[in-house]
Structures are given as C-alpha cells and as structure tokens.
N, C-alpha and C. Protein backbone atom coordinates (compact mmCIF):
# COMPACT_ATOMS: atom_id res chain seq x y z
N UNK A 1 39.85 -41.78 -11.37
CA UNK A 1 41.09 -41.87 -12.11
C UNK A 1 42.09 -40.89 -11.49
N UNK A 2 43.27 -41.40 -11.19
CA UNK A 2 44.29 -40.56 -10.56
C UNK A 2 44.99 -39.71 -11.61
N UNK A 3 45.77 -38.81 -11.12
CA UNK A 3 46.50 -37.91 -12.01
C UNK A 3 47.54 -38.68 -12.85
N UNK A 4 48.17 -39.65 -12.23
CA UNK A 4 49.17 -40.46 -12.95
C UNK A 4 48.52 -41.29 -14.05
N UNK A 5 47.36 -41.86 -13.75
CA UNK A 5 46.64 -42.66 -14.75
C UNK A 5 46.20 -41.78 -15.92
N UNK A 6 45.74 -40.56 -15.58
CA UNK A 6 45.31 -39.63 -16.63
C UNK A 6 46.49 -39.24 -17.52
N UNK A 7 47.65 -38.99 -16.90
CA UNK A 7 48.85 -38.62 -17.67
C UNK A 7 49.29 -39.79 -18.55
N UNK A 8 49.22 -40.99 -18.04
CA UNK A 8 49.59 -42.18 -18.82
C UNK A 8 48.64 -42.35 -19.99
N UNK A 9 47.32 -42.16 -19.72
CA UNK A 9 46.32 -42.27 -20.78
C UNK A 9 46.60 -41.24 -21.87
N UNK A 10 46.89 -40.01 -21.46
CA UNK A 10 47.11 -38.92 -22.42
C UNK A 10 48.36 -39.17 -23.27
N UNK A 11 49.42 -39.61 -22.65
CA UNK A 11 50.67 -39.85 -23.38
C UNK A 11 50.58 -41.07 -24.30
N UNK A 12 49.69 -41.99 -24.01
CA UNK A 12 49.51 -43.17 -24.85
C UNK A 12 48.73 -42.84 -26.12
N UNK A 13 48.12 -41.68 -26.22
CA UNK A 13 47.34 -41.28 -27.40
C UNK A 13 48.25 -40.65 -28.42
N UNK A 14 47.85 -40.84 -29.68
CA UNK A 14 48.59 -40.18 -30.76
C UNK A 14 48.16 -38.72 -30.83
N UNK A 15 48.89 -37.93 -31.61
CA UNK A 15 48.59 -36.50 -31.77
C UNK A 15 47.18 -36.33 -32.31
N UNK A 16 46.81 -37.12 -33.29
CA UNK A 16 45.48 -37.02 -33.90
C UNK A 16 44.39 -37.32 -32.87
N UNK A 17 44.58 -38.34 -32.01
CA UNK A 17 43.60 -38.67 -30.98
C UNK A 17 43.50 -37.55 -29.94
N UNK A 18 44.65 -36.96 -29.62
CA UNK A 18 44.64 -35.84 -28.67
C UNK A 18 43.84 -34.67 -29.22
N UNK A 19 44.00 -34.37 -30.50
CA UNK A 19 43.25 -33.27 -31.13
C UNK A 19 41.76 -33.56 -31.09
N UNK A 20 41.37 -34.80 -31.39
CA UNK A 20 39.95 -35.18 -31.35
C UNK A 20 39.42 -35.07 -29.92
N UNK A 21 40.17 -35.53 -28.93
CA UNK A 21 39.74 -35.45 -27.53
C UNK A 21 39.59 -34.00 -27.08
N UNK A 22 40.55 -33.14 -27.40
CA UNK A 22 40.47 -31.71 -27.03
C UNK A 22 39.29 -31.06 -27.74
N UNK A 23 39.11 -31.38 -29.04
CA UNK A 23 37.97 -30.82 -29.78
C UNK A 23 36.64 -31.27 -29.19
N UNK A 24 36.55 -32.56 -28.86
CA UNK A 24 35.32 -33.08 -28.23
C UNK A 24 35.04 -32.42 -26.89
N UNK A 25 36.10 -32.26 -26.09
CA UNK A 25 35.96 -31.60 -24.80
C UNK A 25 35.51 -30.15 -24.99
N UNK A 26 36.06 -29.48 -26.01
CA UNK A 26 35.66 -28.10 -26.30
C UNK A 26 34.19 -28.02 -26.68
N UNK A 27 33.72 -28.96 -27.49
CA UNK A 27 32.30 -28.98 -27.89
C UNK A 27 31.42 -29.21 -26.66
N UNK A 28 31.82 -30.14 -25.79
CA UNK A 28 31.04 -30.40 -24.57
C UNK A 28 30.97 -29.15 -23.69
N UNK A 29 32.09 -28.44 -23.55
CA UNK A 29 32.11 -27.21 -22.73
C UNK A 29 31.19 -26.16 -23.35
N UNK A 30 31.25 -25.99 -24.66
CA UNK A 30 30.39 -25.00 -25.33
C UNK A 30 28.92 -25.38 -25.17
N UNK A 31 28.57 -26.65 -25.36
CA UNK A 31 27.17 -27.09 -25.20
C UNK A 31 26.68 -26.90 -23.77
N UNK A 32 27.50 -27.25 -22.80
CA UNK A 32 27.11 -27.04 -21.40
C UNK A 32 26.92 -25.55 -21.10
N UNK A 33 27.83 -24.72 -21.61
CA UNK A 33 27.69 -23.28 -21.43
C UNK A 33 26.39 -22.76 -22.03
N UNK A 34 26.06 -23.25 -23.20
CA UNK A 34 24.81 -22.83 -23.85
C UNK A 34 23.60 -23.29 -23.04
N UNK A 35 23.58 -24.56 -22.64
CA UNK A 35 22.43 -25.12 -21.94
C UNK A 35 22.26 -24.54 -20.53
N UNK A 36 23.37 -24.33 -19.85
CA UNK A 36 23.28 -23.88 -18.46
C UNK A 36 23.29 -22.37 -18.28
N UNK A 37 23.85 -21.64 -19.23
CA UNK A 37 23.97 -20.19 -19.07
C UNK A 37 23.21 -19.40 -20.13
N UNK A 38 23.55 -19.60 -21.36
CA UNK A 38 23.03 -18.76 -22.44
C UNK A 38 21.53 -18.95 -22.67
N UNK A 39 21.08 -20.19 -22.75
CA UNK A 39 19.66 -20.46 -23.02
C UNK A 39 18.75 -19.92 -21.91
N UNK A 40 19.03 -20.16 -20.63
CA UNK A 40 18.18 -19.57 -19.59
C UNK A 40 18.19 -18.04 -19.62
N UNK A 41 19.35 -17.46 -19.96
CA UNK A 41 19.43 -16.01 -20.04
C UNK A 41 18.54 -15.48 -21.16
N UNK A 42 18.55 -16.15 -22.33
CA UNK A 42 17.67 -15.74 -23.44
C UNK A 42 16.20 -15.86 -23.05
N UNK A 43 15.86 -16.90 -22.33
CA UNK A 43 14.48 -17.09 -21.86
C UNK A 43 14.07 -15.95 -20.91
N UNK A 44 14.95 -15.60 -19.99
CA UNK A 44 14.66 -14.51 -19.05
C UNK A 44 14.53 -13.17 -19.77
N UNK A 45 15.36 -12.94 -20.76
CA UNK A 45 15.28 -11.68 -21.51
C UNK A 45 13.94 -11.59 -22.23
N UNK A 46 13.50 -12.68 -22.86
CA UNK A 46 12.21 -12.68 -23.56
C UNK A 46 11.05 -12.44 -22.58
N UNK A 47 11.10 -13.07 -21.42
CA UNK A 47 10.05 -12.90 -20.40
C UNK A 47 10.01 -11.45 -19.91
N UNK A 48 11.17 -10.88 -19.67
CA UNK A 48 11.23 -9.50 -19.19
C UNK A 48 10.76 -8.51 -20.26
N UNK A 49 11.05 -8.80 -21.52
CA UNK A 49 10.57 -7.94 -22.61
C UNK A 49 9.06 -7.99 -22.71
N UNK A 50 8.46 -9.13 -22.42
CA UNK A 50 7.00 -9.23 -22.41
C UNK A 50 6.40 -8.44 -21.26
N UNK A 51 7.05 -8.44 -20.11
CA UNK A 51 6.53 -7.75 -18.92
C UNK A 51 6.76 -6.25 -18.94
N UNK A 52 7.72 -5.79 -19.71
CA UNK A 52 8.11 -4.39 -19.69
C UNK A 52 6.96 -3.43 -19.99
N UNK A 53 6.13 -3.63 -21.04
CA UNK A 53 5.04 -2.67 -21.27
C UNK A 53 4.06 -2.60 -20.10
N UNK A 54 3.74 -3.75 -19.49
CA UNK A 54 2.82 -3.75 -18.35
C UNK A 54 3.44 -3.01 -17.18
N UNK A 55 4.71 -3.23 -16.93
CA UNK A 55 5.38 -2.55 -15.82
C UNK A 55 5.48 -1.05 -16.05
N UNK A 56 5.71 -0.65 -17.29
CA UNK A 56 5.74 0.79 -17.60
C UNK A 56 4.38 1.42 -17.39
N UNK A 57 3.31 0.69 -17.79
CA UNK A 57 1.95 1.21 -17.59
C UNK A 57 1.65 1.34 -16.10
N UNK A 58 2.07 0.36 -15.30
CA UNK A 58 1.86 0.44 -13.86
C UNK A 58 2.63 1.61 -13.25
N UNK A 59 3.85 1.82 -13.71
CA UNK A 59 4.65 2.94 -13.20
C UNK A 59 3.99 4.28 -13.54
N UNK A 60 3.45 4.37 -14.75
CA UNK A 60 2.76 5.61 -15.15
C UNK A 60 1.51 5.81 -14.30
N UNK A 61 0.79 4.73 -14.02
CA UNK A 61 -0.42 4.83 -13.20
C UNK A 61 -0.06 5.26 -11.78
N UNK A 62 1.01 4.73 -11.23
CA UNK A 62 1.46 5.12 -9.90
C UNK A 62 1.85 6.60 -9.88
N UNK A 63 2.51 7.05 -10.94
CA UNK A 63 2.87 8.46 -11.04
C UNK A 63 1.65 9.35 -11.07
N UNK A 64 0.63 8.94 -11.86
CA UNK A 64 -0.62 9.73 -11.91
C UNK A 64 -1.31 9.74 -10.56
N UNK A 65 -1.30 8.60 -9.85
CA UNK A 65 -1.92 8.54 -8.52
C UNK A 65 -1.19 9.47 -7.55
N UNK A 66 0.13 9.51 -7.64
CA UNK A 66 0.90 10.42 -6.78
C UNK A 66 0.57 11.87 -7.08
N UNK A 67 0.41 12.20 -8.37
CA UNK A 67 0.04 13.57 -8.73
C UNK A 67 -1.35 13.91 -8.19
N UNK A 68 -2.27 12.95 -8.26
CA UNK A 68 -3.63 13.17 -7.76
C UNK A 68 -3.62 13.37 -6.24
N UNK A 69 -2.81 12.59 -5.55
CA UNK A 69 -2.70 12.75 -4.09
C UNK A 69 -2.17 14.14 -3.76
N UNK A 70 -1.14 14.57 -4.47
CA UNK A 70 -0.59 15.91 -4.22
C UNK A 70 -1.62 16.99 -4.52
N UNK A 71 -2.38 16.81 -5.60
CA UNK A 71 -3.41 17.79 -5.95
C UNK A 71 -4.49 17.85 -4.87
N UNK A 72 -4.93 16.69 -4.39
CA UNK A 72 -5.98 16.66 -3.37
C UNK A 72 -5.49 17.22 -2.04
N UNK A 73 -4.23 16.96 -1.70
CA UNK A 73 -3.69 17.53 -0.47
C UNK A 73 -3.65 19.05 -0.55
N UNK A 74 -3.39 19.57 -1.74
CA UNK A 74 -3.36 21.02 -1.92
C UNK A 74 -4.73 21.65 -1.79
N UNK A 75 -5.79 20.89 -2.14
CA UNK A 75 -7.15 21.41 -2.06
C UNK A 75 -7.72 21.35 -0.65
N UNK A 76 -7.17 20.49 0.18
CA UNK A 76 -7.73 20.29 1.52
C UNK A 76 -7.51 21.53 2.37
N UNK A 77 -8.50 21.85 3.21
CA UNK A 77 -8.31 22.97 4.13
C UNK A 77 -7.13 22.69 5.06
N UNK A 78 -6.49 23.73 5.57
CA UNK A 78 -5.28 23.54 6.34
C UNK A 78 -5.47 22.81 7.66
N UNK A 79 -6.66 22.74 8.21
CA UNK A 79 -6.86 22.03 9.46
C UNK A 79 -6.24 22.75 10.65
N UNK A 80 -6.43 24.06 10.70
CA UNK A 80 -5.80 24.85 11.76
C UNK A 80 -6.78 25.17 12.89
N UNK A 81 -7.83 24.39 13.04
CA UNK A 81 -8.77 24.63 14.13
C UNK A 81 -8.06 24.40 15.46
N UNK A 82 -8.34 25.29 16.41
CA UNK A 82 -7.81 25.01 17.74
C UNK A 82 -8.86 24.20 18.50
N UNK A 83 -8.46 23.50 19.53
CA UNK A 83 -9.39 22.61 20.24
C UNK A 83 -10.63 23.32 20.76
N UNK A 84 -10.53 24.60 21.12
CA UNK A 84 -11.69 25.33 21.64
C UNK A 84 -12.76 25.51 20.56
N UNK A 85 -12.36 25.55 19.30
CA UNK A 85 -13.32 25.73 18.20
C UNK A 85 -14.00 24.42 17.79
N UNK A 86 -13.42 23.29 18.16
CA UNK A 86 -13.94 22.01 17.69
C UNK A 86 -15.34 21.70 18.19
N UNK A 87 -15.56 21.80 19.49
CA UNK A 87 -16.87 21.44 20.04
C UNK A 87 -18.01 22.25 19.42
N UNK A 88 -17.91 23.59 19.39
CA UNK A 88 -19.00 24.35 18.79
C UNK A 88 -19.21 24.02 17.31
N UNK A 89 -18.12 23.86 16.59
CA UNK A 89 -18.23 23.52 15.17
C UNK A 89 -18.93 22.18 14.98
N UNK A 90 -18.53 21.19 15.78
CA UNK A 90 -19.14 19.87 15.66
C UNK A 90 -20.60 19.89 16.09
N UNK A 91 -20.94 20.68 17.10
CA UNK A 91 -22.34 20.78 17.53
C UNK A 91 -23.20 21.39 16.44
N UNK A 92 -22.71 22.47 15.80
CA UNK A 92 -23.49 23.08 14.70
C UNK A 92 -23.65 22.08 13.55
N UNK A 93 -22.57 21.40 13.22
CA UNK A 93 -22.61 20.43 12.12
C UNK A 93 -23.57 19.30 12.44
N UNK A 94 -23.54 18.80 13.69
CA UNK A 94 -24.46 17.72 14.08
C UNK A 94 -25.90 18.19 13.98
N UNK A 95 -26.17 19.41 14.44
CA UNK A 95 -27.53 19.95 14.37
C UNK A 95 -27.99 20.06 12.92
N UNK A 96 -27.10 20.45 12.01
CA UNK A 96 -27.44 20.53 10.58
C UNK A 96 -27.83 19.16 10.01
N UNK A 97 -27.32 18.11 10.62
CA UNK A 97 -27.63 16.75 10.16
C UNK A 97 -28.77 16.13 10.97
N UNK A 98 -29.36 16.91 11.86
CA UNK A 98 -30.47 16.41 12.66
C UNK A 98 -30.04 15.48 13.78
N UNK A 99 -28.81 15.62 14.22
CA UNK A 99 -28.30 14.75 15.28
C UNK A 99 -28.36 15.48 16.62
N UNK A 100 -28.93 14.86 17.61
CA UNK A 100 -29.00 15.41 18.96
C UNK A 100 -28.15 14.52 19.85
N UNK A 101 -27.16 15.10 20.52
CA UNK A 101 -26.31 14.29 21.38
C UNK A 101 -25.39 15.15 22.21
N UNK A 102 -24.44 14.51 22.83
CA UNK A 102 -23.50 15.18 23.71
C UNK A 102 -22.13 15.22 23.03
N UNK A 103 -21.61 16.43 22.82
CA UNK A 103 -20.30 16.60 22.20
C UNK A 103 -19.45 17.39 23.18
N UNK A 104 -18.33 16.81 23.61
CA UNK A 104 -17.49 17.48 24.59
C UNK A 104 -16.05 17.02 24.45
N UNK A 105 -15.17 17.76 25.09
CA UNK A 105 -13.74 17.44 25.06
C UNK A 105 -13.54 16.07 25.72
N UNK A 106 -12.74 15.21 25.08
CA UNK A 106 -12.55 13.85 25.57
C UNK A 106 -11.73 13.83 26.86
N UNK A 107 -10.59 14.49 26.88
CA UNK A 107 -9.71 14.52 28.06
C UNK A 107 -9.11 15.91 28.17
N UNK A 108 -8.81 16.31 29.40
CA UNK A 108 -8.14 17.59 29.58
C UNK A 108 -6.77 17.54 28.92
N UNK A 109 -6.40 18.60 28.23
CA UNK A 109 -5.11 18.67 27.57
C UNK A 109 -5.06 17.93 26.25
N UNK A 110 -6.14 17.31 25.88
CA UNK A 110 -6.18 16.56 24.62
C UNK A 110 -6.91 17.38 23.57
N UNK A 111 -6.56 17.17 22.31
CA UNK A 111 -7.26 17.87 21.23
C UNK A 111 -8.41 17.02 20.70
N UNK A 112 -8.67 15.91 21.35
CA UNK A 112 -9.74 15.02 20.89
C UNK A 112 -11.08 15.42 21.50
N UNK A 113 -12.12 15.19 20.71
CA UNK A 113 -13.48 15.53 21.11
C UNK A 113 -14.31 14.25 21.13
N UNK A 114 -15.04 14.04 22.20
CA UNK A 114 -15.93 12.88 22.30
C UNK A 114 -17.33 13.25 21.86
N UNK A 115 -18.04 12.31 21.28
CA UNK A 115 -19.43 12.54 20.87
C UNK A 115 -20.22 11.28 21.17
N UNK A 116 -21.41 11.46 21.76
CA UNK A 116 -22.27 10.30 22.02
C UNK A 116 -23.70 10.66 21.65
N UNK A 117 -24.35 9.70 21.03
CA UNK A 117 -25.72 9.88 20.57
C UNK A 117 -26.51 8.64 20.99
N UNK A 118 -27.61 8.86 21.71
CA UNK A 118 -28.41 7.74 22.18
C UNK A 118 -29.19 7.04 21.09
N UNK A 119 -29.71 7.81 20.14
CA UNK A 119 -30.54 7.23 19.08
C UNK A 119 -30.42 8.11 17.84
N UNK A 120 -29.73 7.61 16.80
CA UNK A 120 -29.56 8.37 15.57
C UNK A 120 -29.74 7.44 14.37
N UNK A 121 -30.14 8.04 13.25
CA UNK A 121 -30.19 7.27 12.00
C UNK A 121 -28.77 7.03 11.53
N UNK A 122 -28.47 5.79 11.17
CA UNK A 122 -27.12 5.45 10.74
C UNK A 122 -26.70 6.29 9.54
N UNK A 123 -27.62 6.51 8.60
CA UNK A 123 -27.28 7.29 7.41
C UNK A 123 -26.91 8.73 7.77
N UNK A 124 -27.61 9.32 8.75
CA UNK A 124 -27.29 10.68 9.19
C UNK A 124 -25.93 10.69 9.89
N UNK A 125 -25.66 9.67 10.68
CA UNK A 125 -24.37 9.55 11.37
C UNK A 125 -23.21 9.51 10.38
N UNK A 126 -23.33 8.64 9.38
CA UNK A 126 -22.28 8.49 8.38
C UNK A 126 -22.11 9.79 7.59
N UNK A 127 -23.21 10.42 7.24
CA UNK A 127 -23.14 11.67 6.50
C UNK A 127 -22.43 12.75 7.32
N UNK A 128 -22.71 12.80 8.61
CA UNK A 128 -22.08 13.78 9.50
C UNK A 128 -20.57 13.53 9.60
N UNK A 129 -20.17 12.27 9.82
CA UNK A 129 -18.75 11.93 9.93
C UNK A 129 -18.03 12.29 8.62
N UNK A 130 -18.67 12.02 7.49
CA UNK A 130 -18.08 12.35 6.20
C UNK A 130 -17.91 13.86 6.04
N UNK A 131 -18.93 14.63 6.44
CA UNK A 131 -18.83 16.08 6.33
C UNK A 131 -17.71 16.63 7.21
N UNK A 132 -17.58 16.11 8.42
CA UNK A 132 -16.50 16.57 9.31
C UNK A 132 -15.14 16.34 8.66
N UNK A 133 -15.00 15.20 8.04
CA UNK A 133 -13.72 14.88 7.42
C UNK A 133 -13.47 15.72 6.18
N UNK A 134 -14.43 15.78 5.29
CA UNK A 134 -14.25 16.48 4.02
C UNK A 134 -14.13 18.00 4.19
N UNK A 135 -15.01 18.57 4.97
CA UNK A 135 -15.09 20.03 5.03
C UNK A 135 -14.24 20.66 6.14
N UNK A 136 -13.98 19.90 7.20
CA UNK A 136 -13.31 20.51 8.35
C UNK A 136 -12.02 19.77 8.74
N UNK A 137 -11.69 18.73 8.04
CA UNK A 137 -10.49 17.91 8.32
C UNK A 137 -10.46 17.44 9.76
N UNK A 138 -11.63 17.01 10.22
CA UNK A 138 -11.76 16.39 11.54
C UNK A 138 -11.99 14.91 11.27
N UNK A 139 -11.14 14.08 11.84
CA UNK A 139 -11.21 12.65 11.53
C UNK A 139 -11.76 11.85 12.70
N UNK A 140 -12.39 10.76 12.36
CA UNK A 140 -12.92 9.82 13.33
C UNK A 140 -11.76 8.97 13.83
N UNK A 141 -11.45 9.06 15.11
CA UNK A 141 -10.34 8.31 15.69
C UNK A 141 -10.81 6.93 16.14
N UNK A 142 -11.95 6.88 16.80
CA UNK A 142 -12.52 5.61 17.23
C UNK A 142 -14.02 5.76 17.35
N UNK A 143 -14.73 4.65 17.23
CA UNK A 143 -16.17 4.71 17.39
C UNK A 143 -16.72 3.37 17.83
N UNK A 144 -17.89 3.41 18.45
CA UNK A 144 -18.60 2.21 18.83
C UNK A 144 -20.06 2.45 18.48
N UNK A 145 -20.57 1.63 17.57
CA UNK A 145 -21.95 1.75 17.15
C UNK A 145 -22.69 0.50 17.60
N UNK A 146 -23.90 0.71 18.15
CA UNK A 146 -24.74 -0.42 18.57
C UNK A 146 -26.07 -0.30 17.88
N UNK A 147 -26.53 -1.39 17.27
CA UNK A 147 -27.82 -1.39 16.58
C UNK A 147 -28.94 -1.31 17.61
N UNK A 148 -29.99 -0.58 17.26
CA UNK A 148 -31.18 -0.48 18.10
C UNK A 148 -32.30 -1.29 17.47
N UNK A 149 -33.47 -1.32 18.15
CA UNK A 149 -34.60 -2.12 17.66
C UNK A 149 -35.10 -1.66 16.31
N UNK A 150 -35.19 -0.36 16.12
CA UNK A 150 -35.72 0.17 14.86
C UNK A 150 -34.69 0.02 13.74
N UNK A 151 -35.14 -0.37 12.56
CA UNK A 151 -34.20 -0.52 11.45
C UNK A 151 -33.50 0.81 11.12
N UNK A 152 -32.19 0.74 10.93
CA UNK A 152 -31.42 1.92 10.54
C UNK A 152 -31.05 2.84 11.68
N UNK A 153 -31.43 2.49 12.90
CA UNK A 153 -31.13 3.34 14.06
C UNK A 153 -30.01 2.72 14.87
N UNK A 154 -29.12 3.59 15.38
CA UNK A 154 -27.98 3.12 16.16
C UNK A 154 -27.74 4.02 17.37
N UNK A 155 -27.00 3.48 18.33
CA UNK A 155 -26.44 4.27 19.43
C UNK A 155 -24.97 4.45 19.05
N UNK A 156 -24.46 5.66 19.14
CA UNK A 156 -23.10 5.93 18.66
C UNK A 156 -22.28 6.64 19.72
N UNK A 157 -21.07 6.15 19.90
CA UNK A 157 -20.07 6.82 20.73
C UNK A 157 -18.81 6.92 19.87
N UNK A 158 -18.21 8.11 19.86
CA UNK A 158 -17.05 8.29 18.98
C UNK A 158 -16.08 9.30 19.57
N UNK A 159 -14.87 9.25 19.02
CA UNK A 159 -13.85 10.22 19.38
C UNK A 159 -13.28 10.79 18.08
N UNK A 160 -13.17 12.11 18.02
CA UNK A 160 -12.68 12.80 16.83
C UNK A 160 -11.45 13.64 17.18
N UNK A 161 -10.68 13.96 16.14
CA UNK A 161 -9.52 14.84 16.35
C UNK A 161 -9.24 15.56 15.04
N UNK A 162 -8.63 16.74 15.12
CA UNK A 162 -8.22 17.43 13.87
C UNK A 162 -7.18 16.59 13.16
N UNK A 163 -7.29 16.48 11.85
CA UNK A 163 -6.35 15.67 11.07
C UNK A 163 -4.92 16.15 11.25
N UNK A 164 -4.73 17.43 11.37
CA UNK A 164 -3.38 17.99 11.50
C UNK A 164 -2.70 17.50 12.77
N UNK A 165 -3.45 17.19 13.81
CA UNK A 165 -2.87 16.73 15.07
C UNK A 165 -2.47 15.25 15.02
N UNK A 166 -2.97 14.52 14.05
CA UNK A 166 -2.68 13.09 13.96
C UNK A 166 -1.49 12.79 13.08
N UNK A 167 -1.02 13.72 12.28
CA UNK A 167 0.05 13.46 11.33
C UNK A 167 1.40 13.49 11.96
C-alpha cells in the first residue's frame, strides 16, 4: 500500500473509526512489546534468581580455595637450594628410600639434575619423587619409566630442578 493510498484510506474514515484503529494499533504494539521484550526478560530474571545461590556458593568455594593456596604457599620451604647442593641432597634422599643409581648435573650451566636407576621398585621411586617435591621443593621436570620383567620394578630416567627456578 502506497503512502497516497494510506492517506486516502485514513481520510475516508470517520473520527470514531480512526479512534478505534489507533486504539487497536496501540493494543497490538503493547502486546508485541510484552511478548517480544517484557516476557522474555521476566523469564531471564527468574532463571538468574534460581542460579544466584549456586553461583554465590561457587564463588565462596573459589575464595576458600584461593585462601588455601596462599596458606600452602606460605608453608612451603623457600626453595633456595643452589645447584651444588642438589646432587648430594638427592643422593642422600635416594639412599634413604633404598634407591641405588646415578645422580648428576644434567648440563653445564643448568640447575637441572639428572637421575637414572637401572632397577628400582616403582613404589620407592614414586615415594622418593614425592619426598623431593614436598620436603625440598625439587620438582620432576621429565621422566621415562620402563617396566621390567619383575612385577613392580622399573628402569627410571628423570630430570629434576628446584621449583624456584621454574617459576
């Protein structure tokens, strides 16, 4: 419908018909506004109100986890070992776990220490790696474990470094 046709249609209506048409158009606009804007917004508000307690609980849990991380970082030893102290410390620790192997500096100028064991119990190996990390802040950088014929026995090659040097 062109603009001229619309104007002709409008002028051909009586005042009462024009009022009814404007009122009807107003009702249609209000209904469309409700259906397309207001109703979806009310639905979203209700959904968000349902999620809010769960999200608050998650935020509180994240806050507690952050506090725990800060507390544990404060308890950890400073990790100030110099590279010359690493080999002897690791050798004593390995001997305490019944591990016999070769522990030496990985590369010149590097703070990493290499360790190789021809035949060790896997449980002793894991216990030793855990002790190095927990008590001395020496972390396992890389490792290669190969299963041997006897159950629970492995050949192990690994590289370690002070945690402070990796951060």
